[in-house]
């Protein structure tokens, strides 16, 4: 698991995710024509738990065709 720094609404924060989730998140962002930071900001606006978990759920839903 690797910790990475991201900007959310202009504020730096760190997120720890397994490499497979980071790669999937980058692929989703590229498919959507957006940056990883912008995609994480979008996920952040709808999350109810911690950010790392919300990203994992988002990636899972995207892979299953629900995002």
C-alpha atoms as a PDB file:
ATOM      1  CA  UNK A   1       0.000   0.000   0.000  1.00  0.00           C
ATOM      2  CA  UNK A   2       1.315   3.405  -0.936  1.00  0.00           C
ATOM      3  CA  UNK A   3       0.371   6.793   0.468  1.00  0.00           C
ATOM      4  CA  UNK A   4      -0.047   9.577  -2.074  1.00  0.00           C
ATOM      5  CA  UNK A   5      -0.726  13.268  -1.682  1.00  0.00           C
ATOM      6  CA  UNK A   6      -3.722  14.750  -3.515  1.00  0.00           C
ATOM      7  CA  UNK A   7      -5.470  18.101  -3.567  1.00  0.00           C
ATOM      8  CA  UNK A   8      -9.135  18.260  -2.641  1.00  0.00           C
ATOM      9  CA  UNK A   9     -10.739  21.667  -3.067  1.00  0.00           C
ATOM     10  CA  UNK A  10      -7.277  23.179  -2.952  1.00  0.00           C
ATOM     11  CA  UNK A  11      -6.314  21.448   0.300  1.00  0.00           C
ATOM     12  CA  UNK A  12      -3.612  18.780   0.394  1.00  0.00           C
ATOM     13  CA  UNK A  13      -4.462  15.422   1.916  1.00  0.00           C
ATOM     14  CA  UNK A  14      -2.974  11.961   1.723  1.00  0.00           C
ATOM     15  CA  UNK A  15      -4.669   8.773   0.616  1.00  0.00           C
ATOM     16  CA  UNK A  16      -3.400   5.232   1.096  1.00  0.00           C
ATOM     17  CA  UNK A  17      -4.469   2.740  -1.547  1.00  0.00           C
ATOM     18  CA  UNK A  18      -3.183  -0.487  -2.965  1.00  0.00           C
ATOM     19  CA  UNK A  19      -1.363  -0.044  -6.285  1.00  0.00           C
ATOM     20  CA  UNK A  20      -4.125  -1.903  -8.162  1.00  0.00           C
ATOM     21  CA  UNK A  21      -6.701   0.663  -7.034  1.00  0.00           C
ATOM     22  CA  UNK A  22      -4.431   3.564  -8.025  1.00  0.00           C
ATOM     23  CA  UNK A  23      -3.940   2.074 -11.476  1.00  0.00           C
ATOM     24  CA  UNK A  24      -7.680   1.505 -11.908  1.00  0.00           C
ATOM     25  CA  UNK A  25      -8.433   5.038 -10.704  1.00  0.00           C
ATOM     26  CA  UNK A  26      -5.941   6.486 -13.205  1.00  0.00           C
ATOM     27  CA  UNK A  27      -7.510   4.444 -16.007  1.00  0.00           C
ATOM     28  CA  UNK A  28     -11.015   5.632 -15.071  1.00  0.00           C
ATOM     29  CA  UNK A  29      -9.842   9.263 -14.984  1.00  0.00           C
ATOM     30  CA  UNK A  30      -8.177   8.888 -18.373  1.00  0.00           C
ATOM     31  CA  UNK A  31     -11.316   7.320 -19.864  1.00  0.00           C
ATOM     32  CA  UNK A  32     -13.358  10.243 -18.551  1.00  0.00           C
ATOM     33  CA  UNK A  33     -10.851  12.780 -19.824  1.00  0.00           C
ATOM     34  CA  UNK A  34     -10.166  14.183 -16.383  1.00  0.00           C
ATOM     35  CA  UNK A  35      -7.352  14.206 -13.837  1.00  0.00           C
ATOM     36  CA  UNK A  36      -7.051  11.821 -10.926  1.00  0.00           C
ATOM     37  CA  UNK A  37      -7.321  14.778  -8.530  1.00  0.00           C
ATOM     38  CA  UNK A  38     -10.552  15.952 -10.167  1.00  0.00           C
ATOM     39  CA  UNK A  39     -11.981  12.440  -9.968  1.00  0.00           C
ATOM     40  CA  UNK A  40     -11.014  12.172  -6.292  1.00  0.00           C
ATOM     41  CA  UNK A  41     -12.689  15.537  -5.647  1.00  0.00           C
ATOM     42  CA  UNK A  42     -15.857  14.151  -7.261  1.00  0.00           C
ATOM     43  CA  UNK A  43     -15.695  11.028  -5.091  1.00  0.00           C
ATOM     44  CA  UNK A  44     -15.088  13.190  -2.014  1.00  0.00           C
ATOM     45  CA  UNK A  45     -18.318  15.138  -2.529  1.00  0.00           C
ATOM     46  CA  UNK A  46     -20.454  11.991  -2.274  1.00  0.00           C
ATOM     47  CA  UNK A  47     -18.621   9.925   0.318  1.00  0.00           C
ATOM     48  CA  UNK A  48     -19.949   9.005   3.727  1.00  0.00           C
ATOM     49  CA  UNK A  49     -16.905   7.144   5.121  1.00  0.00           C
ATOM     50  CA  UNK A  50     -13.192   7.705   4.810  1.00  0.00           C
ATOM     51  CA  UNK A  51     -11.753   8.757   1.479  1.00  0.00           C
ATOM     52  CA  UNK A  52      -9.669   5.644   0.816  1.00  0.00           C
ATOM     53  CA  UNK A  53     -12.701   3.407   1.272  1.00  0.00           C
ATOM     54  CA  UNK A  54     -14.844   5.670  -0.891  1.00  0.00           C
ATOM     55  CA  UNK A  55     -12.267   5.459  -3.689  1.00  0.00           C
ATOM     56  CA  UNK A  56     -12.178   1.670  -3.467  1.00  0.00           C
ATOM     57  CA  UNK A  57     -15.979   1.471  -3.660  1.00  0.00           C
ATOM     58  CA  UNK A  58     -16.007   3.893  -6.595  1.00  0.00           C
ATOM     59  CA  UNK A  59     -13.437   1.804  -8.477  1.00  0.00           C
ATOM     60  CA  UNK A  60     -15.363  -1.398  -7.722  1.00  0.00           C
ATOM     61  CA  UNK A  61     -18.608   0.167  -8.992  1.00  0.00           C
ATOM     62  CA  UNK A  62     -16.847   1.422 -12.125  1.00  0.00           C
ATOM     63  CA  UNK A  63     -15.421  -2.014 -12.840  1.00  0.00           C
ATOM     64  CA  UNK A  64     -18.871  -3.519 -12.345  1.00  0.00           C
ATOM     65  CA  UNK A  65     -20.387  -0.921 -14.670  1.00  0.00           C
ATOM     66  CA  UNK A  66     -22.285   1.047 -12.046  1.00  0.00           C
ATOM     67  CA  UNK A  67     -20.298   4.294 -12.013  1.00  0.00           C
END
